[in-house]
Amino acid sequence: MRAGLAAVACALLALVAGCGADGMNRADAKVVSEAAAPSEVPVKVAGGLAKWGEQRPAGDTLLVTVSSPRSFVPGDTAYPKAPRAAGFDITLENVGTSVYRSSQLVVQASTSDGKRMAAVVDATQGYSGVLAGEVLPGRTARLSLAFALPADQVNVVVTVQANVAQATTTAEFEGPA
């Protein structure tokens, strides 16, 4: 039974992330609330990386917040195997006038020295790696993603890009995990 679940997890990861891809371009998203009124849109912070929990623009119409990481030990059916992983809740706020298609989203993680971190699929802990849906104008969606970590604490950079095909601005967040 475990081998069958592991095979399903591997197939899902390959389908979602593509062969050799370290970032996630899909994850579960649900509309969770109305977005702030345009007068409440935060001003772009000049330079530097955001801290966990801060909001940053990713493109012209998407505001992104990345939660503090939640460290966990991936289960037996998780892929890839790792000594530990960090889960992140990512909030997307559409402050534009058109629908944002979450399939355009690219999320990657790396150590602060640039080493890419593999995305983890662990459906038993809520990290399925599948993102589908739309974020309507004035609405907010939340998704959860996880990335493999080394055994010891490291500084992590999570990069969120709203639309890689249009080379939109990236939102970058950094902190210990």
C-alpha atoms as a PDB file:
ATOM      1  CA  MET A   1       0.000   0.000   0.000  1.00  0.00           C
ATOM      2  CA  ARG A   2       2.796   2.457   0.936  1.00  0.00           C
ATOM      3  CA  ALA A   3       4.637   1.735  -2.315  1.00  0.00           C
ATOM      4  CA  GLY A   4       1.437   2.513  -4.228  1.00  0.00           C
ATOM      5  CA  LEU A   5       0.970   5.839  -2.408  1.00  0.00           C
ATOM      6  CA  ALA A   6       4.620   6.736  -2.982  1.00  0.00           C
ATOM      7  CA  ALA A   7       4.215   5.971  -6.708  1.00  0.00           C
ATOM      8  CA  VAL A   8       1.120   8.191  -6.870  1.00  0.00           C
ATOM      9  CA  ALA A   9       2.989  10.989  -5.072  1.00  0.00           C
ATOM     10  CA  CYS A  10       5.929  10.645  -7.507  1.00  0.00           C
ATOM     11  CA  ALA A  11       3.617  10.745 -10.505  1.00  0.00           C
ATOM     12  CA  LEU A  12       1.810  13.795  -9.121  1.00  0.00           C
ATOM     13  CA  LEU A  13       5.072  15.608  -8.475  1.00  0.00           C
ATOM     14  CA  ALA A  14       6.385  14.840 -11.965  1.00  0.00           C
ATOM     15  CA  LEU A  15       3.112  15.978 -13.512  1.00  0.00           C
ATOM     16  CA  VAL A  16       2.919  19.196 -11.491  1.00  0.00           C
ATOM     17  CA  ALA A  17       6.518  20.316 -11.247  1.00  0.00           C
ATOM     18  CA  GLY A  18       7.975  18.834 -14.425  1.00  0.00           C
ATOM     19  CA  CYS A  19      11.068  16.688 -14.597  1.00  0.00           C
ATOM     20  CA  GLY A  20      13.877  18.208 -12.556  1.00  0.00           C
ATOM     21  CA  ALA A  21      11.908  21.313 -11.589  1.00  0.00           C
ATOM     22  CA  ASP A  22      12.691  22.613  -8.123  1.00  0.00           C
ATOM     23  CA  GLY A  23       9.907  25.194  -7.879  1.00  0.00           C
ATOM     24  CA  MET A  24       6.193  24.778  -7.619  1.00  0.00           C
ATOM     25  CA  ASN A  25       3.962  26.331 -10.200  1.00  0.00           C
ATOM     26  CA  ARG A  26       0.776  24.858  -8.770  1.00  0.00           C
ATOM     27  CA  ALA A  27      -0.773  24.456  -5.294  1.00  0.00           C
ATOM     28  CA  ASP A  28      -4.215  24.297  -3.701  1.00  0.00           C
ATOM     29  CA  ALA A  29      -5.831  27.748  -3.649  1.00  0.00           C
ATOM     30  CA  LYS A  30      -9.063  28.894  -2.103  1.00  0.00           C
ATOM     31  CA  VAL A  31     -10.612  32.346  -2.035  1.00  0.00           C
ATOM     32  CA  VAL A  32     -10.508  33.366   1.595  1.00  0.00           C
ATOM     33  CA  SER A  33     -11.538  37.015   1.793  1.00  0.00           C
ATOM     34  CA  GLU A  34     -12.156  40.277   0.070  1.00  0.00           C
ATOM     35  CA  ALA A  35      -9.008  42.256  -0.736  1.00  0.00           C
ATOM     36  CA  ALA A  36      -8.222  45.597   0.817  1.00  0.00           C
ATOM     37  CA  ALA A  37      -9.641  48.690  -0.815  1.00  0.00           C
ATOM     38  CA  PRO A  38      -7.249  50.251  -3.355  1.00  0.00           C
ATOM     39  CA  SER A  39      -6.451  53.088  -0.930  1.00  0.00           C
ATOM     40  CA  GLU A  40      -5.121  50.453   1.493  1.00  0.00           C
ATOM     41  CA  VAL A  41      -2.679  48.875  -0.974  1.00  0.00           C
ATOM     42  CA  PRO A  42       0.775  48.947   0.629  1.00  0.00           C
ATOM     43  CA  VAL A  43       3.494  51.028  -0.926  1.00  0.00           C
ATOM     44  CA  LYS A  44       6.273  49.060  -2.625  1.00  0.00           C
ATOM     45  CA  VAL A  45       9.205  48.681  -0.272  1.00  0.00           C
ATOM     46  CA  ALA A  46      12.378  49.760  -2.009  1.00  0.00           C
ATOM     47  CA  GLY A  47      15.162  47.178  -2.193  1.00  0.00           C
ATOM     48  CA  GLY A  48      15.939  44.274   0.058  1.00  0.00           C
ATOM     49  CA  LEU A  49      14.124  41.062   0.784  1.00  0.00           C
ATOM     50  CA  ALA A  50      10.861  40.982   2.703  1.00  0.00           C
ATOM     51  CA  LYS A  51      10.582  39.231   6.043  1.00  0.00           C
ATOM     52  CA  TRP A  52       8.059  36.452   6.633  1.00  0.00           C
ATOM     53  CA  GLY A  53       4.575  37.933   6.968  1.00  0.00           C
ATOM     54  CA  GLU A  54       5.277  41.144   5.037  1.00  0.00           C
ATOM     55  CA  GLN A  55       3.351  41.928   1.858  1.00  0.00           C
ATOM     56  CA  ARG A  56       5.110  42.621  -1.436  1.00  0.00           C
ATOM     57  CA  PRO A  57       4.007  43.208  -5.033  1.00  0.00           C
ATOM     58  CA  ALA A  58       4.605  40.482  -7.610  1.00  0.00           C
ATOM     59  CA  GLY A  59       3.759  42.100 -10.903  1.00  0.00           C
ATOM     60  CA  ASP A  60       1.423  45.058 -11.288  1.00  0.00           C
ATOM     61  CA  THR A  61      -1.757  43.606  -9.809  1.00  0.00           C
ATOM     62  CA  LEU A  62      -0.779  40.857  -7.365  1.00  0.00           C
ATOM     63  CA  LEU A  63       0.253  41.374  -3.744  1.00  0.00           C
ATOM     64  CA  VAL A  64       1.935  38.431  -2.032  1.00  0.00           C
ATOM     65  CA  THR A  65       2.509  37.479   1.601  1.00  0.00           C
ATOM     66  CA  VAL A  66       4.571  34.443   2.661  1.00  0.00           C
ATOM     67  CA  SER A  67       4.042  33.121   6.197  1.00  0.00           C
ATOM     68  CA  SER A  68       6.746  32.083   8.596  1.00  0.00           C
ATOM     69  CA  PRO A  69       7.861  28.530   7.782  1.00  0.00           C
ATOM     70  CA  ARG A  70       6.441  25.572   9.673  1.00  0.00           C
ATOM     71  CA  SER A  71       9.138  22.917  10.011  1.00  0.00           C
ATOM     72  CA  PHE A  72       7.960  19.303   9.815  1.00  0.00           C
ATOM     73  CA  VAL A  73       9.265  15.830   9.128  1.00  0.00           C
ATOM     74  CA  PRO A  74       7.899  14.573   5.786  1.00  0.00           C
ATOM     75  CA  GLY A  75       5.854  11.381   6.048  1.00  0.00           C
ATOM     76  CA  ASP A  76       6.572   7.993   4.514  1.00  0.00           C
ATOM     77  CA  THR A  77       4.658   8.848   1.332  1.00  0.00           C
ATOM     78  CA  ALA A  78       6.248  12.289   0.823  1.00  0.00           C
ATOM     79  CA  TYR A  79       8.352  12.982  -2.245  1.00  0.00           C
ATOM     80  CA  PRO A  80      11.221  13.684  -2.333  1.00  0.00           C
ATOM     81  CA  LYS A  81      12.566  12.182   0.880  1.00  0.00           C
ATOM     82  CA  ALA A  82      14.145  14.786   3.159  1.00  0.00           C
ATOM     83  CA  PRO A  83      15.248  14.972   6.802  1.00  0.00           C
ATOM     84  CA  ARG A  84      12.795  17.835   7.253  1.00  0.00           C
ATOM     85  CA  ALA A  85      10.734  20.294   5.263  1.00  0.00           C
ATOM     86  CA  ALA A  86       9.213  23.729   5.714  1.00  0.00           C
ATOM     87  CA  GLY A  87       5.624  24.533   4.869  1.00  0.00           C
ATOM     88  CA  PHE A  88       4.611  28.038   3.822  1.00  0.00           C
ATOM     89  CA  ASP A  89       1.187  29.638   3.468  1.00  0.00           C
ATOM     90  CA  ILE A  90       1.216  32.045   0.547  1.00  0.00           C
ATOM     91  CA  THR A  91      -1.512  34.665   0.262  1.00  0.00           C
ATOM     92  CA  LEU A  92      -2.265  36.165  -3.144  1.00  0.00           C
ATOM     93  CA  GLU A  93      -4.280  39.375  -3.293  1.00  0.00           C
ATOM     94  CA  ASN A  94      -5.574  40.471  -6.708  1.00  0.00           C
ATOM     95  CA  VAL A  95      -5.691  44.285  -6.683  1.00  0.00           C
ATOM     96  CA  GLY A  96      -6.179  44.462 -10.456  1.00  0.00           C
ATOM     97  CA  THR A  97      -9.319  44.638 -12.564  1.00  0.00           C
ATOM     98  CA  SER A  98      -8.991  41.287 -14.335  1.00  0.00           C
ATOM     99  CA  VAL A  99      -8.992  37.677 -13.168  1.00  0.00           C
ATOM    100  CA  TYR A 100      -5.613  36.253 -12.087  1.00  0.00           C
ATOM    101  CA  ARG A 101      -5.083  32.651 -13.150  1.00  0.00           C
ATOM    102  CA  SER A 102      -3.095  30.873 -10.473  1.00  0.00           C
ATOM    103  CA  SER A 103      -1.641  28.479 -13.055  1.00  0.00           C
ATOM    104  CA  GLN A 104       0.689  31.365 -14.019  1.00  0.00           C
ATOM    105  CA  LEU A 105       2.255  31.433 -10.536  1.00  0.00           C
ATOM    106  CA  VAL A 106       5.832  30.241 -10.003  1.00  0.00           C
ATOM    107  CA  VAL A 107       7.167  29.734  -6.474  1.00  0.00           C
ATOM    108  CA  GLN A 108      10.751  28.685  -5.793  1.00  0.00           C
ATOM    109  CA  ALA A 109      12.869  28.373  -2.664  1.00  0.00           C
ATOM    110  CA  SER A 110      16.608  28.387  -2.132  1.00  0.00           C
ATOM    111  CA  THR A 111      19.099  28.805   0.653  1.00  0.00           C
ATOM    112  CA  SER A 112      20.392  32.348   1.073  1.00  0.00           C
ATOM    113  CA  ASP A 113      23.611  31.237  -0.663  1.00  0.00           C
ATOM    114  CA  GLY A 114      21.632  30.249  -3.785  1.00  0.00           C
ATOM    115  CA  LYS A 115      21.222  26.459  -3.458  1.00  0.00           C
ATOM    116  CA  ARG A 116      17.781  25.473  -4.859  1.00  0.00           C
ATOM    117  CA  MET A 117      15.433  23.580  -2.570  1.00  0.00           C
ATOM    118  CA  ALA A 118      13.181  20.828  -3.923  1.00  0.00           C
ATOM    119  CA  ALA A 119       9.427  21.197  -3.613  1.00  0.00           C
ATOM    120  CA  VAL A 120       7.894  18.549  -1.342  1.00  0.00           C
ATOM    121  CA  VAL A 121       4.609  16.783  -2.007  1.00  0.00           C
ATOM    122  CA  ASP A 122       3.213  15.357   1.233  1.00  0.00           C
ATOM    123  CA  ALA A 123      -0.549  15.078   0.777  1.00  0.00           C
ATOM    124  CA  THR A 124      -1.033  13.517   4.217  1.00  0.00           C
ATOM    125  CA  GLN A 125       0.218  16.787   5.756  1.00  0.00           C
ATOM    126  CA  GLY A 126      -1.685  19.056   3.364  1.00  0.00           C
ATOM    127  CA  TYR A 127       0.986  19.737   0.738  1.00  0.00           C
ATOM    128  CA  SER A 128      -0.449  18.302  -2.480  1.00  0.00           C
ATOM    129  CA  GLY A 129       1.451  20.578  -4.861  1.00  0.00           C
ATOM    130  CA  VAL A 130      -1.638  21.262  -6.992  1.00  0.00           C
ATOM    131  CA  LEU A 131      -2.899  24.763  -7.752  1.00  0.00           C
ATOM    132  CA  ALA A 132      -5.985  25.347  -9.778  1.00  0.00           C
ATOM    133  CA  GLY A 133      -8.364  28.217  -9.997  1.00  0.00           C
ATOM    134  CA  GLU A 134      -8.655  31.903 -10.383  1.00  0.00           C
ATOM    135  CA  VAL A 135      -8.389  34.886  -8.072  1.00  0.00           C
ATOM    136  CA  LEU A 136     -11.090  37.382  -8.948  1.00  0.00           C
ATOM    137  CA  PRO A 137     -10.391  41.133  -8.816  1.00  0.00           C
ATOM    138  CA  GLY A 138     -10.591  42.357  -5.243  1.00  0.00           C
ATOM    139  CA  ARG A 139     -10.291  38.838  -3.812  1.00  0.00           C
ATOM    140  CA  THR A 140      -7.628  36.928  -1.906  1.00  0.00           C
ATOM    141  CA  ALA A 141      -6.526  33.295  -2.212  1.00  0.00           C
ATOM    142  CA  ARG A 142      -4.275  31.224   0.037  1.00  0.00           C
ATOM    143  CA  LEU A 143      -2.151  28.234  -0.911  1.00  0.00           C
ATOM    144  CA  SER A 144       0.245  25.995   0.981  1.00  0.00           C
ATOM    145  CA  LEU A 145       3.587  24.759  -0.362  1.00  0.00           C
ATOM    146  CA  ALA A 146       6.483  22.879   1.210  1.00  0.00           C
ATOM    147  CA  PHE A 147      10.182  22.659   0.399  1.00  0.00           C
ATOM    148  CA  ALA A 148      12.890  20.198   1.499  1.00  0.00           C
ATOM    149  CA  LEU A 149      15.351  21.491   4.080  1.00  0.00           C
ATOM    150  CA  PRO A 150      18.674  20.185   5.372  1.00  0.00           C
ATOM    151  CA  ALA A 151      18.732  18.811   8.925  1.00  0.00           C
ATOM    152  CA  ASP A 152      20.207  22.032  10.341  1.00  0.00           C
ATOM    153  CA  GLN A 153      18.546  25.457  10.322  1.00  0.00           C
ATOM    154  CA  VAL A 154      19.296  27.601   7.256  1.00  0.00           C
ATOM    155  CA  ASN A 155      18.263  30.967   5.888  1.00  0.00           C
ATOM    156  CA  VAL A 156      15.708  30.478   3.121  1.00  0.00           C
ATOM    157  CA  VAL A 157      14.668  32.756   0.248  1.00  0.00           C
ATOM    158  CA  VAL A 158      11.196  32.163  -1.221  1.00  0.00           C
ATOM    159  CA  THR A 159      10.670  33.781  -4.625  1.00  0.00           C
ATOM    160  CA  VAL A 160       7.170  34.331  -6.006  1.00  0.00           C
ATOM    161  CA  GLN A 161       6.578  35.380  -9.615  1.00  0.00           C
ATOM    162  CA  ALA A 162       3.064  36.139 -10.835  1.00  0.00           C
ATOM    163  CA  ASN A 163       3.703  35.359 -14.496  1.00  0.00           C
ATOM    164  CA  VAL A 164       7.015  33.987 -15.735  1.00  0.00           C
ATOM    165  CA  ALA A 165       5.925  34.299 -19.390  1.00  0.00           C
ATOM    166  CA  GLN A 166       5.592  38.070 -19.004  1.00  0.00           C
ATOM    167  CA  ALA A 167       8.728  38.410 -16.835  1.00  0.00           C
ATOM    168  CA  THR A 168       6.792  40.124 -14.039  1.00  0.00           C
ATOM    169  CA  THR A 169       8.463  41.521 -10.951  1.00  0.00           C
ATOM    170  CA  THR A 170       9.261  38.913  -8.321  1.00  0.00           C
ATOM    171  CA  ALA A 171       8.464  39.154  -4.625  1.00  0.00           C
ATOM    172  CA  GLU A 172      11.238  37.727  -2.452  1.00  0.00           C
ATOM    173  CA  PHE A 173      11.036  36.755   1.195  1.00  0.00           C
ATOM    174  CA  GLU A 174      13.874  35.658   3.469  1.00  0.00           C
ATOM    175  CA  GLY A 175      14.277  34.259   6.954  1.00  0.00           C
ATOM    176  CA  PRO A 176      15.398  31.297   9.012  1.00  0.00           C
ATOM    177  CA  ALA A 177      13.793  27.896   8.563  1.00  0.00           C
END
